[in-house]
Structure formats: structure tokens, C-alpha cells
PDB file of N, CA and C in Angstrom:
ATOM      1  N   MET A   1     -90.276  -3.132 -52.153  1.00  0.00           N
ATOM      2  CA  MET A   1     -91.985  -2.539 -52.103  1.00  0.00           C
ATOM      3  C   MET A   1     -92.358  -2.963 -50.675  1.00  0.00           C
ATOM      4  N   PHE A   2     -91.759  -4.065 -49.624  1.00  0.00           N
ATOM      5  CA  PHE A   2     -92.503  -4.124 -48.728  1.00  0.00           C
ATOM      6  C   PHE A   2     -91.595  -3.620 -47.422  1.00  0.00           C
ATOM      7  N   LEU A   3     -91.744  -3.535 -46.221  1.00  0.00           N
ATOM      8  CA  LEU A   3     -91.074  -3.109 -44.999  1.00  0.00           C
ATOM      9  C   LEU A   3     -90.440  -4.481 -44.733  1.00  0.00           C
ATOM     10  N   ILE A   4     -89.205  -4.479 -44.023  1.00  0.00           N
ATOM     11  CA  ILE A   4     -88.429  -5.687 -44.166  1.00  0.00           C
ATOM     12  C   ILE A   4     -88.474  -5.816 -42.411  1.00  0.00           C
ATOM     13  N   GLY A   5     -89.014  -7.046 -42.010  1.00  0.00           N
ATOM     14  CA  GLY A   5     -89.113  -7.317 -40.896  1.00  0.00           C
ATOM     15  C   GLY A   5     -90.264  -7.894 -40.826  1.00  0.00           C
ATOM     16  N   GLU A   6     -90.525  -8.579 -39.630  1.00  0.00           N
ATOM     17  CA  GLU A   6     -91.953  -9.265 -39.211  1.00  0.00           C
ATOM     18  C   GLU A   6     -93.031  -8.804 -38.354  1.00  0.00           C
ATOM     19  N   ALA A   7     -93.997  -9.456 -38.511  1.00  0.00           N
ATOM     20  CA  ALA A   7     -95.281  -9.062 -37.805  1.00  0.00           C
ATOM     21  C   ALA A   7     -96.026  -9.894 -37.617  1.00  0.00           C
ATOM     22  N   GLY A   8     -97.069  -9.708 -36.537  1.00  0.00           N
ATOM     23  CA  GLY A   8     -97.983 -10.825 -36.114  1.00  0.00           C
ATOM     24  C   GLY A   8     -99.695 -10.168 -36.621  1.00  0.00           C
ATOM     25  N   SER A   9    -100.184 -11.232 -37.154  1.00  0.00           N
ATOM     26  CA  SER A   9    -101.669 -10.973 -36.961  1.00  0.00           C
ATOM     27  C   SER A   9    -102.732 -12.036 -36.853  1.00  0.00           C
ATOM     28  N   VAL A  10    -103.841 -12.023 -37.328  1.00  0.00           N
ATOM     29  CA  VAL A  10    -104.617 -12.618 -36.844  1.00  0.00           C
ATOM     30  C   VAL A  10    -105.792 -13.153 -38.151  1.00  0.00           C
ATOM     31  N   VAL A  11    -106.624 -14.142 -38.336  1.00  0.00           N
ATOM     32  CA  VAL A  11    -107.627 -13.913 -39.365  1.00  0.00           C
ATOM     33  C   VAL A  11    -109.109 -13.783 -38.382  1.00  0.00           C
ATOM     34  N   HIS A  12    -109.509 -12.619 -39.124  1.00  0.00           N
ATOM     35  CA  HIS A  12    -110.621 -12.417 -38.846  1.00  0.00           C
ATOM     36  C   HIS A  12    -111.797 -11.993 -39.857  1.00  0.00           C
ATOM     37  N   ASN A  13    -113.107 -12.700 -39.909  1.00  0.00           N
ATOM     38  CA  ASN A  13    -114.179 -12.700 -41.027  1.00  0.00           C
ATOM     39  C   ASN A  13    -113.341 -13.180 -42.388  1.00  0.00           C
ATOM     40  N   GLY A  14    -112.477 -14.427 -42.209  1.00  0.00           N
ATOM     41  CA  GLY A  14    -111.880 -15.121 -43.212  1.00  0.00           C
ATOM     42  C   GLY A  14    -111.075 -13.941 -43.898  1.00  0.00           C
ATOM     43  N   LYS A  15    -110.512 -13.377 -43.609  1.00  0.00           N
ATOM     44  CA  LYS A  15    -109.397 -12.459 -44.151  1.00  0.00           C
ATOM     45  C   LYS A  15    -108.201 -12.164 -43.186  1.00  0.00           C
ATOM     46  N   ILE A  16    -107.014 -12.208 -43.459  1.00  0.00           N
ATOM     47  CA  ILE A  16    -105.672 -11.564 -42.747  1.00  0.00           C
ATOM     48  C   ILE A  16    -105.704 -10.036 -42.512  1.00  0.00           C
ATOM     49  N   VAL A  17    -105.448  -9.536 -41.457  1.00  0.00           N
ATOM     50  CA  VAL A  17    -105.541  -8.141 -41.229  1.00  0.00           C
ATOM     51  C   VAL A  17    -103.826  -8.063 -41.505  1.00  0.00           C
ATOM     52  N   LEU A  18    -103.525  -6.980 -42.297  1.00  0.00           N
ATOM     53  CA  LEU A  18    -102.098  -6.895 -42.757  1.00  0.00           C
ATOM     54  C   LEU A  18    -102.090  -5.564 -41.916  1.00  0.00           C
ATOM     55  N   PRO A  19    -100.884  -5.155 -41.723  1.00  0.00           N
ATOM     56  CA  PRO A  19    -100.264  -3.866 -41.113  1.00  0.00           C
ATOM     57  C   PRO A  19    -100.464  -2.773 -42.268  1.00  0.00           C
ATOM     58  N   SER A  20    -101.198  -1.668 -41.966  1.00  0.00           N
ATOM     59  CA  SER A  20    -101.490  -0.778 -42.663  1.00  0.00           C
ATOM     60  C   SER A  20     -99.846   0.013 -43.137  1.00  0.00           C
ATOM     61  N   GLU A  21     -98.910  -0.075 -42.452  1.00  0.00           N
ATOM     62  CA  GLU A  21     -97.922   0.490 -43.018  1.00  0.00           C
ATOM     63  C   GLU A  21     -97.069  -0.453 -44.327  1.00  0.00           C
ATOM     64  N   TYR A  22     -97.891  -1.325 -44.502  1.00  0.00           N
ATOM     65  CA  TYR A  22     -97.295  -1.877 -45.675  1.00  0.00           C
ATOM     66  C   TYR A  22     -97.877  -1.309 -46.993  1.00  0.00           C
ATOM     67  N   ARG A  23     -99.221  -0.731 -47.006  1.00  0.00           N
ATOM     68  CA  ARG A  23     -99.962   0.055 -47.792  1.00  0.00           C
ATOM     69  C   ARG A  23    -100.253  -0.544 -49.031  1.00  0.00           C
ATOM     70  N   LEU A  24    -100.805  -1.664 -48.892  1.00  0.00           N
ATOM     71  CA  LEU A  24    -100.850  -2.641 -50.123  1.00  0.00           C
ATOM     72  C   LEU A  24    -101.917  -2.858 -50.751  1.00  0.00           C
ATOM     73  N   LYS A  25    -102.973  -2.056 -50.281  1.00  0.00           N
ATOM     74  CA  LYS A  25    -104.530  -2.038 -50.602  1.00  0.00           C
ATOM     75  C   LYS A  25    -104.473  -1.191 -52.066  1.00  0.00           C
ATOM     76  N   LYS A  26    -103.463  -0.363 -52.429  1.00  0.00           N
ATOM     77  CA  LYS A  26    -103.524   0.474 -53.838  1.00  0.00           C
ATOM     78  C   LYS A  26    -102.820  -0.521 -54.855  1.00  0.00           C
ATOM     79  N   LYS A  27    -102.125  -1.481 -54.387  1.00  0.00           N
ATOM     80  CA  LYS A  27    -101.576  -2.324 -55.541  1.00  0.00           C
ATOM     81  C   LYS A  27    -101.788  -3.560 -55.919  1.00  0.00           C
ATOM     82  N   LYS A  28    -101.761  -3.969 -57.249  1.00  0.00           N
ATOM     83  CA  LYS A  28    -102.293  -5.332 -57.812  1.00  0.00           C
ATOM     84  C   LYS A  28    -101.235  -6.490 -57.026  1.00  0.00           C
ATOM     85  N   MET A  29    -101.832  -7.104 -56.549  1.00  0.00           N
ATOM     86  CA  MET A  29    -101.290  -8.093 -55.783  1.00  0.00           C
ATOM     87  C   MET A  29    -101.264  -9.566 -56.068  1.00  0.00           C
ATOM     88  N   LEU A  30    -100.291 -10.646 -56.053  1.00  0.00           N
ATOM     89  CA  LEU A  30    -100.481 -11.890 -56.537  1.00  0.00           C
ATOM     90  C   LEU A  30    -100.232 -12.698 -55.346  1.00  0.00           C
ATOM     91  N   LEU A  31    -100.836 -13.921 -55.053  1.00  0.00           N
ATOM     92  CA  LEU A  31    -100.746 -14.791 -54.139  1.00  0.00           C
ATOM     93  C   LEU A  31     -99.964 -16.343 -54.761  1.00  0.00           C
ATOM     94  N   MET A  32     -99.306 -16.793 -53.769  1.00  0.00           N
ATOM     95  CA  MET A  32     -99.207 -18.221 -54.209  1.00  0.00           C
ATOM     96  C   MET A  32     -98.734 -18.879 -52.578  1.00  0.00           C
ATOM     97  N   TRP A  33     -99.525 -20.311 -52.699  1.00  0.00           N
ATOM     98  CA  TRP A  33     -99.108 -21.105 -51.831  1.00  0.00           C
ATOM     99  C   TRP A  33     -98.124 -22.132 -52.089  1.00  0.00           C
ATOM    100  N   LYS A  34     -97.186 -22.148 -51.114  1.00  0.00           N
ATOM    101  CA  LYS A  34     -95.952 -23.004 -50.906  1.00  0.00           C
ATOM    102  C   LYS A  34     -96.624 -24.458 -50.469  1.00  0.00           C
ATOM    103  N   ASP A  35     -97.408 -24.406 -49.192  1.00  0.00           N
ATOM    104  CA  ASP A  35     -97.707 -25.423 -48.760  1.00  0.00           C
ATOM    105  C   ASP A  35     -99.074 -25.395 -47.929  1.00  0.00           C
ATOM    106  N   ASP A  36     -99.697 -25.924 -47.154  1.00  0.00           N
ATOM    107  CA  ASP A  36    -100.999 -25.651 -46.662  1.00  0.00           C
ATOM    108  C   ASP A  36    -100.532 -24.715 -45.401  1.00  0.00           C
ATOM    109  N   LYS A  37     -99.522 -24.175 -45.071  1.00  0.00           N
ATOM    110  CA  LYS A  37     -99.780 -23.087 -43.714  1.00  0.00           C
ATOM    111  C   LYS A  37     -98.556 -22.243 -44.489  1.00  0.00           C
ATOM    112  N   THR A  38     -98.097 -22.403 -45.584  1.00  0.00           N
ATOM    113  CA  THR A  38     -97.699 -20.932 -46.228  1.00  0.00           C
ATOM    114  C   THR A  38     -97.653 -20.602 -47.532  1.00  0.00           C
ATOM    115  N   CYS A  39     -97.814 -19.322 -47.372  1.00  0.00           N
ATOM    116  CA  CYS A  39     -97.911 -18.643 -49.158  1.00  0.00           C
ATOM    117  C   CYS A  39     -97.136 -17.314 -48.810  1.00  0.00           C
ATOM    118  N   PHE A  40     -97.111 -16.845 -50.072  1.00  0.00           N
ATOM    119  CA  PHE A  40     -96.148 -15.733 -50.538  1.00  0.00           C
ATOM    120  C   PHE A  40     -97.100 -14.598 -51.311  1.00  0.00           C
ATOM    121  N   LEU A  41     -96.845 -13.270 -50.914  1.00  0.00           N
ATOM    122  CA  LEU A  41     -97.572 -12.345 -51.518  1.00  0.00           C
ATOM    123  C   LEU A  41     -96.705 -11.663 -52.246  1.00  0.00           C
ATOM    124  N   GLY A  42     -96.833 -11.025 -53.295  1.00  0.00           N
ATOM    125  CA  GLY A  42     -96.035 -10.257 -54.220  1.00  0.00           C
ATOM    126  C   GLY A  42     -96.594  -9.344 -55.275  1.00  0.00           C
ATOM    127  N   GLU A  43     -96.082  -8.598 -56.316  1.00  0.00           N
ATOM    128  CA  GLU A  43     -96.631  -8.391 -57.055  1.00  0.00           C
ATOM    129  C   GLU A  43     -95.569  -8.682 -58.476  1.00  0.00           C
ATOM    130  N   THR A  44     -94.905  -9.389 -58.673  1.00  0.00           N
ATOM    131  CA  THR A  44     -94.430 -10.543 -59.840  1.00  0.00           C
ATOM    132  C   THR A  44     -94.546 -11.725 -59.468  1.00  0.00           C
ATOM    133  N   LYS A  45     -94.790 -12.699 -60.564  1.00  0.00           N
ATOM    134  CA  LYS A  45     -94.837 -14.343 -60.592  1.00  0.00           C
ATOM    135  C   LYS A  45     -93.144 -14.352 -60.608  1.00  0.00           C
ATOM    136  N   GLY A  46     -92.147 -14.140 -60.652  1.00  0.00           N
ATOM    137  CA  GLY A  46     -90.915 -14.540 -60.664  1.00  0.00           C
ATOM    138  C   GLY A  46     -90.558 -14.233 -59.212  1.00  0.00           C
ATOM    139  N   ALA A  47     -91.011 -13.303 -58.618  1.00  0.00           N
ATOM    140  CA  ALA A  47     -90.320 -13.007 -57.430  1.00  0.00           C
ATOM    141  C   ALA A  47     -91.198 -14.155 -56.369  1.00  0.00           C
ATOM    142  N   LEU A  48     -92.229 -14.313 -56.661  1.00  0.00           N
ATOM    143  CA  LEU A  48     -92.985 -15.273 -55.677  1.00  0.00           C
ATOM    144  C   LEU A  48     -92.527 -16.698 -55.946  1.00  0.00           C
ATOM    145  N   LYS A  49     -92.280 -17.107 -57.291  1.00  0.00           N
ATOM    146  CA  LYS A  49     -91.539 -18.303 -57.581  1.00  0.00           C
ATOM    147  C   LYS A  49     -89.992 -18.695 -56.882  1.00  0.00           C
ATOM    148  N   PHE A  50     -89.007 -17.232 -56.951  1.00  0.00           N
ATOM    149  CA  PHE A  50     -87.841 -17.532 -56.246  1.00  0.00           C
ATOM    150  C   PHE A  50     -88.241 -17.566 -54.430  1.00  0.00           C
ATOM    151  N   ALA A  51     -88.631 -17.024 -54.015  1.00  0.00           N
ATOM    152  CA  ALA A  51     -89.252 -16.924 -52.448  1.00  0.00           C
ATOM    153  C   ALA A  51     -89.736 -18.263 -52.014  1.00  0.00           C
ATOM    154  N   SER A  52     -90.776 -18.795 -52.848  1.00  0.00           N
ATOM    155  CA  SER A  52     -91.385 -20.139 -52.398  1.00  0.00           C
ATOM    156  C   SER A  52     -90.580 -21.481 -53.175  1.00  0.00           C
ATOM    157  N   GLY A  53     -89.930 -21.179 -54.042  1.00  0.00           N
ATOM    158  CA  GLY A  53     -88.875 -22.376 -54.356  1.00  0.00           C
ATOM    159  C   GLY A  53     -90.027 -23.387 -54.943  1.00  0.00           C
ATOM    160  N   THR A  54     -90.969 -23.087 -55.767  1.00  0.00           N
ATOM    161  CA  THR A  54     -91.915 -24.016 -56.336  1.00  0.00           C
ATOM    162  C   THR A  54     -92.444 -23.338 -57.239  1.00  0.00           C
ATOM    163  N   GLU A  55     -93.430 -24.591 -58.323  1.00  0.00           N
ATOM    164  CA  GLU A  55     -93.881 -23.987 -59.082  1.00  0.00           C
ATOM    165  C   GLU A  55     -95.440 -23.828 -59.315  1.00  0.00           C
ATOM    166  N   GLY A  56     -95.809 -23.442 -57.935  1.00  0.00           N
ATOM    167  CA  GLY A  56     -97.387 -23.504 -58.138  1.00  0.00           C
ATOM    168  C   GLY A  56     -98.024 -22.653 -58.734  1.00  0.00           C
ATOM    169  N   ALA A  57     -99.635 -22.717 -58.135  1.00  0.00           N
ATOM    170  CA  ALA A  57    -100.568 -22.088 -59.071  1.00  0.00           C
ATOM    171  C   ALA A  57    -100.275 -20.346 -58.370  1.00  0.00           C
ATOM    172  N   ILE A  58    -100.511 -19.470 -59.217  1.00  0.00           N
ATOM    173  CA  ILE A  58    -100.538 -17.821 -58.540  1.00  0.00           C
ATOM    174  C   ILE A  58    -101.867 -17.247 -59.050  1.00  0.00           C
ATOM    175  N   SER A  59    -102.459 -16.662 -58.146  1.00  0.00           N
ATOM    176  CA  SER A  59    -103.741 -16.160 -58.326  1.00  0.00           C
ATOM    177  C   SER A  59    -103.557 -14.609 -57.572  1.00  0.00           C
ATOM    178  N   ASP A  60    -104.543 -14.084 -58.632  1.00  0.00           N
ATOM    179  CA  ASP A  60    -104.821 -12.721 -58.545  1.00  0.00           C
ATOM    180  C   ASP A  60    -105.634 -12.440 -56.645  1.00  0.00           C
ATOM    181  N   VAL A  61    -105.277 -11.283 -56.189  1.00  0.00           N
ATOM    182  CA  VAL A  61    -105.621 -11.116 -55.094  1.00  0.00           C
ATOM    183  C   VAL A  61    -106.140  -9.354 -54.873  1.00  0.00           C
ATOM    184  N   GLU A  62    -107.021  -9.385 -54.315  1.00  0.00           N
ATOM    185  CA  GLU A  62    -107.518  -7.908 -54.052  1.00  0.00           C
ATOM    186  C   GLU A  62    -107.239  -7.504 -52.437  1.00  0.00           C
ATOM    187  N   ILE A  63    -106.546  -6.536 -51.917  1.00  0.00           N
ATOM    188  CA  ILE A  63    -106.550  -6.093 -50.381  1.00  0.00           C
ATOM    189  C   ILE A  63    -107.696  -5.241 -50.536  1.00  0.00           C
ATOM    190  N   ASP A  64    -108.520  -5.486 -49.508  1.00  0.00           N
ATOM    191  CA  ASP A  64    -109.407  -4.312 -49.395  1.00  0.00           C
ATOM    192  C   ASP A  64    -109.056  -3.429 -48.368  1.00  0.00           C
ATOM    193  N   SER A  65    -110.059  -2.308 -48.538  1.00  0.00           N
ATOM    194  CA  SER A  65    -109.842  -0.893 -48.168  1.00  0.00           C
ATOM    195  C   SER A  65    -109.514  -0.596 -46.761  1.00  0.00           C
ATOM    196  N   GLU A  66    -109.625  -2.339 -45.772  1.00  0.00           N
ATOM    197  CA  GLU A  66    -109.109  -1.783 -44.922  1.00  0.00           C
ATOM    198  C   GLU A  66    -107.802  -3.083 -44.291  1.00  0.00           C
ATOM    199  N   ASN A  67    -107.184  -2.883 -45.350  1.00  0.00           N
ATOM    200  CA  ASN A  67    -105.882  -3.771 -45.165  1.00  0.00           C
ATOM    201  C   ASN A  67    -106.143  -5.071 -45.072  1.00  0.00           C
ATOM    202  N   ARG A  68    -107.124  -5.668 -45.528  1.00  0.00           N
ATOM    203  CA  ARG A  68    -107.312  -7.293 -45.349  1.00  0.00           C
ATOM    204  C   ARG A  68    -106.921  -7.985 -46.506  1.00  0.00           C
ATOM    205  N   LEU A  69    -106.309  -9.171 -46.312  1.00  0.00           N
ATOM    206  CA  LEU A  69    -105.939 -10.263 -47.665  1.00  0.00           C
ATOM    207  C   LEU A  69    -107.237 -11.382 -47.211  1.00  0.00           C
ATOM    208  N   PRO A  70    -108.174 -11.697 -48.132  1.00  0.00           N
ATOM    209  CA  PRO A  70    -108.944 -12.765 -48.027  1.00  0.00           C
ATOM    210  C   PRO A  70    -108.144 -14.082 -48.321  1.00  0.00           C
ATOM    211  N   VAL A  71    -108.370 -15.129 -47.407  1.00  0.00           N
ATOM    212  CA  VAL A  71    -108.062 -16.451 -47.601  1.00  0.00           C
ATOM    213  C   VAL A  71    -109.120 -17.132 -47.097  1.00  0.00           C
ATOM    214  N   VAL A  72    -109.039 -18.331 -47.882  1.00  0.00           N
ATOM    215  CA  VAL A  72    -110.049 -19.898 -47.777  1.00  0.00           C
ATOM    216  C   VAL A  72    -109.772 -20.996 -46.863  1.00  0.00           C
ATOM    217  N   SER A  73    -110.767 -21.454 -46.188  1.00  0.00           N
ATOM    218  CA  SER A  73    -110.513 -22.450 -45.566  1.00  0.00           C
ATOM    219  C   SER A  73    -109.551 -22.422 -44.637  1.00  0.00           C
ATOM    220  N   VAL A  74    -109.111 -21.014 -43.936  1.00  0.00           N
ATOM    221  CA  VAL A  74    -108.816 -20.990 -42.490  1.00  0.00           C
ATOM    222  C   VAL A  74    -109.381 -20.661 -41.067  1.00  0.00           C
ATOM    223  N   LYS A  75    -108.896 -21.133 -40.524  1.00  0.00           N
ATOM    224  CA  LYS A  75    -110.008 -21.153 -39.298  1.00  0.00           C
ATOM    225  C   LYS A  75    -110.231 -19.632 -38.640  1.00  0.00           C
ATOM    226  N   GLU A  76    -110.995 -19.298 -38.276  1.00  0.00           N
ATOM    227  CA  GLU A  76    -111.233 -17.801 -37.323  1.00  0.00           C
ATOM    228  C   GLU A  76    -110.675 -17.727 -36.296  1.00  0.00           C
ATOM    229  N   GLY A  77    -109.831 -17.025 -36.161  1.00  0.00           N
ATOM    230  CA  GLY A  77    -108.860 -16.662 -35.036  1.00  0.00           C
ATOM    231  C   GLY A  77    -107.673 -17.360 -35.004  1.00  0.00           C
ATOM    232  N   GLN A  78    -106.821 -17.491 -36.403  1.00  0.00           N
ATOM    233  CA  GLN A  78    -105.784 -18.387 -36.473  1.00  0.00           C
ATOM    234  C   GLN A  78    -104.818 -17.181 -36.711  1.00  0.00           C
ATOM    235  N   LYS A  79    -103.764 -17.897 -35.719  1.00  0.00           N
ATOM    236  CA  LYS A  79    -102.800 -16.515 -35.638  1.00  0.00           C
ATOM    237  C   LYS A  79    -101.725 -16.909 -36.965  1.00  0.00           C
ATOM    238  N   VAL A  80    -101.164 -15.630 -37.388  1.00  0.00           N
ATOM    239  CA  VAL A  80    -100.406 -15.294 -38.254  1.00  0.00           C
ATOM    240  C   VAL A  80     -99.101 -14.818 -38.473  1.00  0.00           C
ATOM    241  N   ARG A  81     -98.007 -15.140 -39.102  1.00  0.00           N
ATOM    242  CA  ARG A  81     -96.691 -14.499 -39.009  1.00  0.00           C
ATOM    243  C   ARG A  81     -96.559 -13.807 -40.523  1.00  0.00           C
ATOM    244  N   LEU A  82     -96.049 -12.737 -40.275  1.00  0.00           N
ATOM    245  CA  LEU A  82     -95.999 -12.061 -41.832  1.00  0.00           C
ATOM    246  C   LEU A  82     -94.241 -11.744 -41.600  1.00  0.00           C
ATOM    247  N   SER A  83     -93.559 -12.303 -42.478  1.00  0.00           N
ATOM    248  CA  SER A  83     -91.917 -11.966 -42.827  1.00  0.00           C
ATOM    249  C   SER A  83     -91.911 -10.886 -44.105  1.00  0.00           C
ATOM    250  N   GLY A  84     -91.492 -10.113 -43.892  1.00  0.00           N
ATOM    251  CA  GLY A  84     -91.579  -9.209 -44.975  1.00  0.00           C
ATOM    252  C   GLY A  84     -89.824  -9.173 -45.467  1.00  0.00           C
ATOM    253  N   CYS A  85     -89.665  -8.882 -46.623  1.00  0.00           N
ATOM    254  CA  CYS A  85     -88.455  -8.818 -47.511  1.00  0.00           C
ATOM    255  C   CYS A  85     -88.868  -7.625 -48.782  1.00  0.00           C
ATOM    256  N   VAL A  86     -87.937  -7.523 -49.582  1.00  0.00           N
ATOM    257  CA  VAL A  86     -87.792  -6.745 -50.710  1.00  0.00           C
ATOM    258  C   VAL A  86     -88.669  -6.595 -51.660  1.00  0.00           C
ATOM    259  N   SER A  87     -89.024  -8.022 -51.904  1.00  0.00           N
ATOM    260  CA  SER A  87     -89.863  -8.127 -52.750  1.00  0.00           C
ATOM    261  C   SER A  87     -91.340  -9.155 -52.849  1.00  0.00           C
ATOM    262  N   THR A  88     -91.602  -9.922 -51.777  1.00  0.00           N
ATOM    263  CA  THR A  88     -92.159 -10.529 -50.839  1.00  0.00           C
ATOM    264  C   THR A  88     -92.507 -10.708 -49.729  1.00  0.00           C
ATOM    265  N   LEU A  89     -93.924 -10.862 -49.337  1.00  0.00           N
ATOM    266  CA  LEU A  89     -94.095 -11.173 -47.830  1.00  0.00           C
ATOM    267  C   LEU A  89     -94.540 -12.539 -47.901  1.00  0.00           C
ATOM    268  N   GLU A  90     -93.640 -13.218 -46.733  1.00  0.00           N
ATOM    269  CA  GLU A  90     -94.275 -14.256 -46.504  1.00  0.00           C
ATOM    270  C   GLU A  90     -95.150 -14.383 -45.185  1.00  0.00           C
ATOM    271  N   ILE A  91     -96.334 -15.254 -45.667  1.00  0.00           N
ATOM    272  CA  ILE A  91     -97.330 -15.367 -44.777  1.00  0.00           C
ATOM    273  C   ILE A  91     -97.507 -16.740 -44.133  1.00  0.00           C
ATOM    274  N   GLN A  92     -97.255 -17.492 -43.011  1.00  0.00           N
ATOM    275  CA  GLN A  92     -97.018 -18.395 -42.066  1.00  0.00           C
ATOM    276  C   GLN A  92     -98.389 -18.713 -41.182  1.00  0.00           C
ATOM    277  N   LEU A  93     -99.574 -19.693 -41.477  1.00  0.00           N
ATOM    278  CA  LEU A  93    -100.527 -19.820 -40.486  1.00  0.00           C
ATOM    279  C   LEU A  93     -99.768 -20.499 -39.290  1.00  0.00           C
ATOM    280  N   LEU A  94     -99.758 -20.330 -38.062  1.00  0.00           N
ATOM    281  CA  LEU A  94     -99.730 -20.643 -36.567  1.00  0.00           C
ATOM    282  C   LEU A  94    -100.347 -21.733 -36.342  1.00  0.00           C
ATOM    283  N   LYS A  95    -100.225 -22.533 -35.246  1.00  0.00           N
ATOM    284  CA  LYS A  95    -100.940 -23.190 -34.671  1.00  0.00           C
ATOM    285  C   LYS A  95    -101.585 -22.424 -33.478  1.00  0.00           C
TER     286      LYS A  95
END
């Protein structure tokens, strides 16, 4: 489902800009936070729970037409590292 590899991004207007190559705007996505700085994006609850190793809350998210993921209470300009694997996308907020 995702490209395998890493990419960098930044928070702009309360949203993480995702690479357009991931083509996520047409898919129903789920988001699960592992801790304050790491979350996982995927299509199934099982994949998210396996990737995060936790039983946290899972929420529906909508990728907008410009391939941006809304995030709450994250600083403007915050750098982000995206690590993709077959079934999930790990999103880490960097310092």
C-alpha cells in the first residue's frame, strides 16, 4: 500500500504535508498515536496495532486534496520524518 523508504516533511497550517507519490488522498485512512511524538497511519486497525505495539485509540483521518494530514497541537514548522513500509506509515515529530 505504501512506498517503502523514508521522506522528510514539515507541519504547515496544522497539517503534515505528505509526499504526493504516496497517493493517500483517495483512501480511507486510520491514525493511531504511539506516544507524543510518534503516530502511525494505515488502512487497517490490525496493521496499526502491530506496528505501534500498543492498544491505543484509533481515529479516522482524511487526507485533503493537497496530500496533507491534519494534526492537532503540533507546532507550526515542526519537522517530521516519514517511514513507510508495506502496511503502515510511521510519522515521527522531530525536534
